[in-house]
C-alpha atoms as a PDB file:
ATOM      1  CA  MET A   1     -21.370  15.293  -1.964  1.00  0.00           C
ATOM      2  CA  ARG A   2     -22.607  14.127   1.593  1.00  0.00           C
ATOM      3  CA  LYS A   3     -20.634  14.992   4.617  1.00  0.00           C
ATOM      4  CA  LEU A   4     -18.714  11.585   6.224  1.00  0.00           C
ATOM      5  CA  THR A   5     -17.371  10.417   9.108  1.00  0.00           C
ATOM      6  CA  ARG A   6     -14.267   8.224   8.571  1.00  0.00           C
ATOM      7  CA  THR A   7     -14.649   5.157  10.099  1.00  0.00           C
ATOM      8  CA  GLU A   8     -11.443   3.176  11.908  1.00  0.00           C
ATOM      9  CA  GLU A   9      -9.357   1.606   8.785  1.00  0.00           C
ATOM     10  CA  PRO A  10      -9.212  -1.964   8.610  1.00  0.00           C
ATOM     11  CA  LYS A  11      -6.547  -3.870  10.489  1.00  0.00           C
ATOM     12  CA  CYS A  12      -4.597  -5.054   7.626  1.00  0.00           C
ATOM     13  CA  LEU A  13      -4.234  -1.847   6.198  1.00  0.00           C
ATOM     14  CA  LYS A  14      -2.813  -0.684   9.592  1.00  0.00           C
ATOM     15  CA  ASP A  15      -0.726  -3.481   9.910  1.00  0.00           C
ATOM     16  CA  HIS A  16       1.084  -3.283   6.102  1.00  0.00           C
ATOM     17  CA  ALA A  17       0.737   0.743   4.880  1.00  0.00           C
ATOM     18  CA  VAL A  18       3.575   1.637   5.961  1.00  0.00           C
ATOM     19  CA  ASN A  19       5.554  -1.215   4.246  1.00  0.00           C
ATOM     20  CA  TRP A  20       3.917  -1.297   1.579  1.00  0.00           C
ATOM     21  CA  THR A  21       3.904   2.893   0.966  1.00  0.00           C
ATOM     22  CA  ASP A  22       7.405   2.320   1.597  1.00  0.00           C
ATOM     23  CA  GLU A  23       8.339   0.388  -1.103  1.00  0.00           C
ATOM     24  CA  PHE A  24       5.874   1.569  -3.917  1.00  0.00           C
ATOM     25  CA  VAL A  25       7.619   5.266  -3.355  1.00  0.00           C
ATOM     26  CA  LYS A  26      11.154   3.268  -4.388  1.00  0.00           C
ATOM     27  CA  LYS A  27       9.729   1.150  -6.947  1.00  0.00           C
ATOM     28  CA  ARG A  28       7.738   3.728  -8.103  1.00  0.00           C
ATOM     29  CA  ALA A  29      11.093   6.157  -8.136  1.00  0.00           C
ATOM     30  CA  ASN A  30      13.199   3.861  -9.972  1.00  0.00           C
ATOM     31  CA  ASN A  31      10.208   3.378 -12.639  1.00  0.00           C
ATOM     32  CA  PRO A  32       7.616   5.947 -12.576  1.00  0.00           C
ATOM     33  CA  LYS A  33       5.512   3.584 -14.626  1.00  0.00           C
ATOM     34  CA  TYR A  34       6.124   1.444 -12.221  1.00  0.00           C
ATOM     35  CA  LYS A  35       2.124   0.298 -11.662  1.00  0.00           C
ATOM     36  CA  PHE A  36       0.008   0.419  -8.172  1.00  0.00           C
ATOM     37  CA  SER A  37      -0.952  -2.533  -6.566  1.00  0.00           C
ATOM     38  CA  TRP A  38      -3.335  -3.450  -3.894  1.00  0.00           C
ATOM     39  CA  ARG A  39      -1.283  -5.977  -2.463  1.00  0.00           C
ATOM     40  CA  ASN A  40      -3.245  -7.954  -0.816  1.00  0.00           C
ATOM     41  CA  ASP A  41      -6.998  -9.519  -2.256  1.00  0.00           C
ATOM     42  CA  ALA A  42      -8.721  -9.939   1.064  1.00  0.00           C
ATOM     43  CA  CYS A  43      -6.821  -6.408   2.316  1.00  0.00           C
ATOM     44  CA  TYR A  44      -8.267  -5.587  -0.571  1.00  0.00           C
ATOM     45  CA  GLN A  45     -11.664  -6.283   0.167  1.00  0.00           C
ATOM     46  CA  ALA A  46     -11.605  -5.586   3.704  1.00  0.00           C
ATOM     47  CA  ILE A  47     -10.678  -1.814   2.937  1.00  0.00           C
ATOM     48  CA  ARG A  48     -13.196  -1.843  -0.294  1.00  0.00           C
ATOM     49  CA  ASN A  49     -16.202  -3.390   2.382  1.00  0.00           C
ATOM     50  CA  ALA A  50     -14.872  -0.957   4.693  1.00  0.00           C
ATOM     51  CA  LEU A  51     -15.520   2.358   2.345  1.00  0.00           C
ATOM     52  CA  ILE A  52     -18.544   1.103   1.187  1.00  0.00           C
ATOM     53  CA  HIS A  53     -20.152   1.220   4.248  1.00  0.00           C
ATOM     54  CA  MET A  54     -19.488   4.689   5.766  1.00  0.00           C
ATOM     55  CA  THR A  55     -20.909   5.925   3.366  1.00  0.00           C
ATOM     56  CA  GLN A  56     -23.673   3.679   3.210  1.00  0.00           C
ATOM     57  CA  GLN A  57     -22.515   2.132  -0.770  1.00  0.00           C
ATOM     58  CA  HIS A  58     -23.218   5.506  -1.950  1.00  0.00           C
ATOM     59  CA  CYS A  59     -20.138   7.350  -4.014  1.00  0.00           C
ATOM     60  CA  ALA A  60     -18.798   9.560  -1.394  1.00  0.00           C
ATOM     61  CA  PHE A  61     -18.498  12.194  -4.596  1.00  0.00           C
ATOM     62  CA  CYS A  62     -21.565  12.274  -6.274  1.00  0.00           C
ATOM     63  CA  ASP A  63     -23.468  10.273  -3.699  1.00  0.00           C
ATOM     64  CA  GLY A  64     -25.271   7.437  -6.189  1.00  0.00           C
ATOM     65  CA  LEU A  65     -26.051   3.859  -5.297  1.00  0.00           C
ATOM     66  CA  LEU A  66     -22.825   1.741  -5.929  1.00  0.00           C
ATOM     67  CA  GLY A  67     -23.333  -1.059  -8.435  1.00  0.00           C
ATOM     68  CA  LEU A  68     -26.836   0.169  -9.175  1.00  0.00           C
ATOM     69  CA  THR A  69     -25.463   3.257 -11.390  1.00  0.00           C
ATOM     70  CA  SER A  70     -22.391   2.288 -11.400  1.00  0.00           C
ATOM     71  CA  ARG A  71     -19.205   0.044 -11.046  1.00  0.00           C
ATOM     72  CA  GLU A  72     -17.843   0.401  -7.310  1.00  0.00           C
ATOM     73  CA  THR A  73     -14.345   1.409  -6.872  1.00  0.00           C
ATOM     74  CA  VAL A  74     -11.825   2.890  -4.578  1.00  0.00           C
ATOM     75  CA  GLU A  75     -10.742   6.658  -5.678  1.00  0.00           C
ATOM     76  CA  HIS A  76      -7.079   8.338  -3.792  1.00  0.00           C
ATOM     77  CA  PHE A  77      -8.503  11.583  -3.736  1.00  0.00           C
ATOM     78  CA  ARG A  78      -4.688  12.988  -4.311  1.00  0.00           C
ATOM     79  CA  PRO A  79      -3.780  11.166  -7.357  1.00  0.00           C
ATOM     80  CA  LYS A  80      -1.639   8.187  -5.572  1.00  0.00           C
ATOM     81  CA  LYS A  81       1.167   9.190  -9.165  1.00  0.00           C
ATOM     82  CA  THR A  82       1.488  12.588  -7.960  1.00  0.00           C
ATOM     83  CA  PHE A  83       1.107  12.094  -4.196  1.00  0.00           C
ATOM     84  CA  PRO A  84       2.575   8.226  -4.304  1.00  0.00           C
ATOM     85  CA  LYS A  85       3.244   8.224  -0.580  1.00  0.00           C
ATOM     86  CA  LEU A  86      -0.389   8.989   0.414  1.00  0.00           C
ATOM     87  CA  ALA A  87      -1.010   5.506  -1.340  1.00  0.00           C
ATOM     88  CA  TYR A  88      -1.948   3.389   1.486  1.00  0.00           C
ATOM     89  CA  ALA A  89      -3.083   6.311   3.630  1.00  0.00           C
ATOM     90  CA  TRP A  90      -6.833   5.417   4.822  1.00  0.00           C
ATOM     91  CA  ASP A  91      -7.552   8.997   5.148  1.00  0.00           C
ATOM     92  CA  ASN A  92      -6.724   9.401   1.092  1.00  0.00           C
ATOM     93  CA  LEU A  93      -9.331   6.869  -0.107  1.00  0.00           C
ATOM     94  CA  PHE A  94     -12.996   6.907  -1.037  1.00  0.00           C
ATOM     95  CA  PRO A  95     -15.406   5.060  -2.269  1.00  0.00           C
ATOM     96  CA  CYS A  96     -16.307   6.161  -6.151  1.00  0.00           C
ATOM     97  CA  CYS A  97     -18.455   5.298  -8.984  1.00  0.00           C
ATOM     98  CA  ASP A  98     -16.302   4.686 -11.620  1.00  0.00           C
ATOM     99  CA  LEU A  99     -18.370   7.802 -13.735  1.00  0.00           C
ATOM    100  CA  CYS A 100     -17.085   9.927 -11.215  1.00  0.00           C
ATOM    101  CA  GLN A 101     -13.580   8.809 -11.236  1.00  0.00           C
ATOM    102  CA  SER A 102     -12.990   8.617 -14.833  1.00  0.00           C
ATOM    103  CA  ILE A 103     -14.068  12.200 -15.105  1.00  0.00           C
ATOM    104  CA  LYS A 104     -11.613  12.730 -12.246  1.00  0.00           C
ATOM    105  CA  LEU A 105      -8.844  10.896 -13.416  1.00  0.00           C
ATOM    106  CA  GLU A 106      -5.632  11.973 -11.854  1.00  0.00           C
ATOM    107  CA  ARG A 107      -6.764  15.223 -11.395  1.00  0.00           C
ATOM    108  CA  PHE A 108      -6.273  17.010  -7.856  1.00  0.00           C
ATOM    109  CA  ASP A 109      -6.527  21.299  -6.980  1.00  0.00           C
ATOM    110  CA  GLU A 110      -5.981  21.717  -3.545  1.00  0.00           C
ATOM    111  CA  ALA A 111      -8.777  23.648  -2.898  1.00  0.00           C
ATOM    112  CA  LEU A 112     -10.914  20.281  -3.741  1.00  0.00           C
ATOM    113  CA  LEU A 113     -13.610  20.025  -1.253  1.00  0.00           C
ATOM    114  CA  LYS A 114     -12.727  16.372   0.728  1.00  0.00           C
ATOM    115  CA  PRO A 115     -16.274  15.116   2.868  1.00  0.00           C
ATOM    116  CA  ASP A 116     -14.878  13.910   5.502  1.00  0.00           C
ATOM    117  CA  THR A 117     -13.137  17.859   6.745  1.00  0.00           C
ATOM    118  CA  GLU A 118     -14.187  18.007  10.044  1.00  0.00           C
ATOM    119  CA  ASP A 119     -15.474  21.549   9.050  1.00  0.00           C
ATOM    120  CA  TYR A 120     -17.478  20.250   5.942  1.00  0.00           C
ATOM    121  CA  ALA A 121     -20.628  20.823   5.465  1.00  0.00           C
ATOM    122  CA  PHE A 122     -22.876  21.078   2.182  1.00  0.00           C
ATOM    123  CA  ASN A 123     -25.033  23.412   2.621  1.00  0.00           C
ATOM    124  CA  ASN A 124     -21.981  26.139   3.608  1.00  0.00           C
ATOM    125  CA  TYR A 125     -20.832  25.141  -0.223  1.00  0.00           C
ATOM    126  CA  PHE A 126     -23.839  24.603  -2.441  1.00  0.00           C
ATOM    127  CA  THR A 127     -27.360  24.955  -3.173  1.00  0.00           C
ATOM    128  CA  VAL A 128     -29.302  23.044  -5.432  1.00  0.00           C
ATOM    129  CA  ASN A 129     -32.298  24.114  -7.697  1.00  0.00           C
ATOM    130  CA  TYR A 130     -34.891  21.635  -7.918  1.00  0.00           C
ATOM    131  CA  HIS A 131     -36.307  22.203 -11.034  1.00  0.00           C
ATOM    132  CA  THR A 132     -33.197  21.194 -12.989  1.00  0.00           C
ATOM    133  CA  GLY A 133     -31.335  18.909 -11.275  1.00  0.00           C
ATOM    134  CA  LYS A 134     -28.266  20.951 -10.802  1.00  0.00           C
ATOM    135  CA  ILE A 135     -26.026  21.979  -8.021  1.00  0.00           C
ATOM    136  CA  GLU A 136     -24.739  25.787  -7.698  1.00  0.00           C
ATOM    137  CA  LEU A 137     -22.575  27.188  -5.750  1.00  0.00           C
ATOM    138  CA  SER A 138     -24.377  28.961  -2.588  1.00  0.00           C
ATOM    139  CA  SER A 139     -24.429  32.427  -2.894  1.00  0.00           C
ATOM    140  CA  ARG A 140     -24.199  33.304   1.169  1.00  0.00           C
ATOM    141  CA  SER A 141     -20.399  31.492   1.100  1.00  0.00           C
ATOM    142  CA  ASP A 142     -17.467  33.715  -0.019  1.00  0.00           C
ATOM    143  CA  LEU A 143     -15.610  33.690  -2.387  1.00  0.00           C
ATOM    144  CA  ASP A 144     -13.082  31.035  -1.245  1.00  0.00           C
ATOM    145  CA  ALA A 145     -16.138  28.186  -0.729  1.00  0.00           C
ATOM    146  CA  GLN A 146     -17.407  29.650  -4.215  1.00  0.00           C
ATOM    147  CA  ALA A 147     -14.434  28.705  -5.997  1.00  0.00           C
ATOM    148  CA  LYS A 148     -13.887  25.429  -3.846  1.00  0.00           C
ATOM    149  CA  ALA A 149     -17.039  24.685  -5.003  1.00  0.00           C
ATOM    150  CA  ARG A 150     -16.670  24.993  -8.433  1.00  0.00           C
ATOM    151  CA  ILE A 151     -13.583  23.230  -8.392  1.00  0.00           C
ATOM    152  CA  THR A 152     -14.918  20.209  -6.484  1.00  0.00           C
ATOM    153  CA  LEU A 153     -18.291  20.792  -8.914  1.00  0.00           C
ATOM    154  CA  GLU A 154     -16.032  20.518 -11.873  1.00  0.00           C
ATOM    155  CA  LEU A 155     -12.999  17.748 -11.230  1.00  0.00           C
ATOM    156  CA  TYR A 156     -15.736  15.258 -10.411  1.00  0.00           C
ATOM    157  CA  GLY A 157     -18.693  16.133 -13.445  1.00  0.00           C
ATOM    158  CA  LEU A 158     -21.474  16.699 -11.199  1.00  0.00           C
ATOM    159  CA  ASN A 159     -23.393  18.857 -13.126  1.00  0.00           C
ATOM    160  CA  THR A 160     -23.926  17.064 -16.192  1.00  0.00           C
ATOM    161  CA  LYS A 161     -26.925  17.181 -17.859  1.00  0.00           C
ATOM    162  CA  GLU A 162     -27.069  13.076 -16.870  1.00  0.00           C
ATOM    163  CA  ARG A 163     -27.076  13.361 -13.096  1.00  0.00           C
ATOM    164  CA  MET A 164     -29.152  16.736 -13.425  1.00  0.00           C
ATOM    165  CA  ILE A 165     -32.185  14.548 -15.126  1.00  0.00           C
ATOM    166  CA  ALA A 166     -31.377  12.060 -12.780  1.00  0.00           C
ATOM    167  CA  ARG A 167     -31.314  13.684  -9.315  1.00  0.00           C
ATOM    168  CA  THR A 168     -34.809  15.474 -10.687  1.00  0.00           C
ATOM    169  CA  ARG A 169     -36.205  11.824 -11.443  1.00  0.00           C
ATOM    170  CA  GLU A 170     -35.005  10.775  -7.999  1.00  0.00           C
ATOM    171  CA  MET A 171     -37.146  13.667  -5.877  1.00  0.00           C
ATOM    172  CA  GLU A 172     -39.727  12.925  -7.787  1.00  0.00           C
ATOM    173  CA  CYS A 173     -40.012   9.176  -6.832  1.00  0.00           C
ATOM    174  CA  PHE A 174     -38.745   9.909  -3.102  1.00  0.00           C
ATOM    175  CA  SER A 175     -41.606  12.618  -2.947  1.00  0.00           C
ATOM    176  CA  ARG A 176     -44.396  10.632  -3.848  1.00  0.00           C
ATOM    177  CA  ALA A 177     -42.482   7.698  -1.182  1.00  0.00           C
ATOM    178  CA  GLU A 178     -45.709   7.270   1.811  1.00  0.00           C
ATOM    179  CA  VAL A 179     -42.467   6.674   3.881  1.00  0.00           C
ATOM    180  CA  PRO A 180     -39.284   7.765   2.450  1.00  0.00           C
ATOM    181  CA  CYS A 181     -35.714   6.517   4.216  1.00  0.00           C
ATOM    182  CA  VAL A 182     -33.416   8.710   2.134  1.00  0.00           C
ATOM    183  CA  ASP A 183     -30.142   6.258   2.691  1.00  0.00           C
ATOM    184  CA  ASP A 184     -32.287   3.481   0.423  1.00  0.00           C
ATOM    185  CA  TYR A 185     -31.485   6.474  -2.563  1.00  0.00           C
ATOM    186  CA  ASN A 186     -29.101   8.220  -4.765  1.00  0.00           C
ATOM    187  CA  TYR A 187     -28.467  11.650  -4.373  1.00  0.00           C
ATOM    188  CA  ARG A 188     -29.092  11.926  -0.614  1.00  0.00           C
ATOM    189  CA  PHE A 189     -27.444  15.450  -0.548  1.00  0.00           C
ATOM    190  CA  PHE A 190     -29.981  16.672  -3.138  1.00  0.00           C
ATOM    191  CA  LEU A 191     -32.870  15.086  -1.024  1.00  0.00           C
ATOM    192  CA  GLU A 192     -32.498  16.345   2.452  1.00  0.00           C
ATOM    193  CA  TYR A 193     -31.320  19.909   0.992  1.00  0.00           C
ATOM    194  CA  ASN A 194     -33.008  21.954   3.090  1.00  0.00           C
ATOM    195  CA  GLU A 195     -32.143  26.100   2.866  1.00  0.00           C
ATOM    196  CA  VAL A 196     -31.062  28.107   6.532  1.00  0.00           C
END
């Protein structure tokens, strides 16, 4: 998971989020099975575009290229089922591949790492094993940081066998490139990691 800088929310979301949230919360209170809707296709596209631009077309969690390795989705970091008041909150939305989203589903833990927080840095929580492709807990981190890292790895399935293999293959391609640009590859945190 790579550090992200949150960009400004799209104007349509800024203009409508409060009203859409109020309506969604009321309808969910009356009918717990009420389905979430983005309400406006043009606004949804503006949200997706802004999120994808924020990550240079990568998933905010596994850092795979969206649209190539997996279908792009909009992830509610805090699930809208449990946190309906955050359903349209800009800082709760992330670009996400459908694999990360299908593994996490509606699960959430307060310890889950959020890549756009001011103090988030990959090296504070994780290390990488270039031989296996595994993301490991940093031995330099305290127990609280290690617990957060463990939960994040689990909830987004970041160490599945397929993802570990894909990271080692990506490293091989990156290493062979004459002038590699890290943003052209999947798993940028893995490629650019340097233990301090």
